[in-house]
Amino acid sequence: MSSFGTILPPLVRPTSVALQGKWLGGQGAGAWFVLSSEQGGLIRVKRYTPSGLLDSDGVFKHAAGPDLCLKTDFEIAYLSHCLEVNVMQKEERITFRLLEAIDISQD
């Protein structure tokens, strides 16, 4: 059975993904995103596979829209990937762009 063209619904959050993890369903796949604040108004974004494996990690800078309040409900929006993350909060789009990738490779 093909999953082409099918948007995956939210999955059960794997234990490796923090409680505040947000699911973004995609066509035949999807990803978990965990956002946290960093010094200087930057945001750290960890992206996980549907099964909970860390896929990318980076520090992002605010690029467009109002400021994000991590204590207020928000959703991850399309297009979001390892270079750019879009968030919807209070019906406003907020965009972050990668400033620094964090190496996730294991020795």
Protein backbone atom coordinates (compact mmCIF):
# COMPACT_ATOMS: atom_id res chain seq x y z
CA MET A 1 0.00 0.00 0.00
CA SER A 2 1.45 3.36 -1.05
CA SER A 3 1.52 6.35 1.29
CA PHE A 4 2.15 8.78 -1.59
CA GLY A 5 -0.09 11.81 -1.25
CA THR A 6 -1.19 10.86 2.26
CA ILE A 7 -0.57 13.32 5.10
CA LEU A 8 0.35 11.35 8.20
CA PRO A 9 -1.75 12.20 11.26
CA PRO A 10 -0.11 12.88 14.65
CA LEU A 11 1.65 9.85 16.00
CA VAL A 12 2.23 8.73 19.56
CA ARG A 13 5.19 10.79 20.74
CA PRO A 14 8.28 8.58 21.14
CA THR A 15 9.92 8.75 24.57
CA SER A 16 13.07 10.22 22.96
CA VAL A 17 11.10 13.34 21.96
CA ALA A 18 10.59 15.93 24.74
CA LEU A 19 7.05 16.42 26.06
CA GLN A 20 6.76 19.79 24.29
CA GLY A 21 7.51 18.14 20.92
CA LYS A 22 5.21 19.20 18.06
CA TRP A 23 4.25 16.86 15.21
CA LEU A 24 4.20 18.09 11.61
CA GLY A 25 2.68 15.48 9.30
CA GLY A 26 3.99 15.28 5.77
CA GLN A 27 3.24 13.30 2.64
CA GLY A 28 4.08 9.74 3.53
CA ALA A 29 6.27 10.93 6.41
CA GLY A 30 6.45 13.62 9.05
CA ALA A 31 8.70 14.94 11.79
CA TRP A 32 8.70 15.90 15.43
CA PHE A 33 10.04 19.38 16.29
CA VAL A 34 11.26 20.47 19.71
CA LEU A 35 11.89 24.20 20.18
CA SER A 36 13.71 25.82 23.09
CA SER A 37 15.02 29.30 23.76
CA GLU A 38 18.69 30.22 23.55
CA GLN A 39 20.56 33.36 24.59
CA GLY A 40 20.13 36.45 22.45
CA GLY A 41 16.58 35.66 21.37
CA LEU A 42 17.68 32.64 19.33
CA ILE A 43 15.72 29.39 19.12
CA ARG A 44 17.14 25.88 19.21
CA VAL A 45 15.28 23.43 17.01
CA LYS A 46 15.69 19.68 17.20
CA ARG A 47 13.93 17.69 14.51
CA TYR A 48 13.19 13.98 14.96
CA THR A 49 12.03 11.21 12.65
CA PRO A 50 8.55 9.73 13.25
CA SER A 51 10.20 6.96 15.29
CA GLY A 52 12.08 9.44 17.49
CA LEU A 53 15.61 9.45 16.05
CA LEU A 54 17.32 12.87 16.10
CA ASP A 55 17.43 14.03 12.46
CA SER A 56 18.79 17.57 12.77
CA ASP A 57 19.70 20.08 15.45
CA GLY A 58 20.45 23.76 15.08
CA VAL A 59 20.25 27.29 16.37
CA PHE A 60 17.82 29.48 14.44
CA LYS A 61 17.32 33.23 14.23
CA HIS A 62 14.04 35.07 13.90
CA ALA A 63 13.49 36.01 10.24
CA ALA A 64 9.88 37.23 9.96
CA GLY A 65 6.70 37.76 11.95
CA PRO A 66 6.06 38.60 15.59
CA ASP A 67 8.12 37.24 18.46
CA LEU A 68 7.44 33.64 19.47
CA CYS A 69 6.38 32.91 23.03
CA LEU A 70 7.27 29.30 23.80
CA LYS A 71 4.91 29.36 26.81
CA THR A 72 1.90 30.04 24.54
CA ASP A 73 0.42 27.31 22.33
CA PHE A 74 1.82 27.14 18.79
CA GLU A 75 1.95 24.74 15.86
CA ILE A 76 4.75 23.93 13.43
CA ALA A 77 3.71 24.97 9.92
CA TYR A 78 4.74 24.15 6.35
CA LEU A 79 7.40 24.52 5.04
CA SER A 80 9.58 23.49 7.94
CA HIS A 81 12.83 21.58 7.58
CA CYS A 82 16.46 21.67 8.75
CA LEU A 83 17.11 25.15 7.24
CA GLU A 84 13.86 26.98 7.99
CA VAL A 85 11.09 26.51 10.54
CA ASN A 86 7.68 28.16 10.33
CA VAL A 87 5.42 28.45 13.36
CA MET A 88 1.80 29.53 13.66
CA GLN A 89 0.90 31.25 16.91
CA LYS A 90 -2.28 33.30 17.46
CA GLU A 91 -2.98 33.07 13.70
CA GLU A 92 0.40 34.71 12.92
CA ARG A 93 3.21 33.07 10.92
CA ILE A 94 6.66 33.28 12.48
CA THR A 95 9.70 32.22 10.47
CA PHE A 96 13.11 31.14 11.75
CA ARG A 97 16.19 30.47 9.62
CA LEU A 98 19.19 28.35 10.50
CA LEU A 99 22.08 30.28 11.99
CA GLU A 100 24.24 27.37 13.12
CA ALA A 101 23.88 23.64 12.57
CA ILE A 102 24.82 21.42 15.51
CA ASP A 103 26.67 18.24 14.63
CA ILE A 104 24.56 15.19 15.51
CA SER A 105 26.96 12.58 14.16
CA GLN A 106 28.23 10.02 16.62
CA ASP A 107 31.87 8.96 16.73
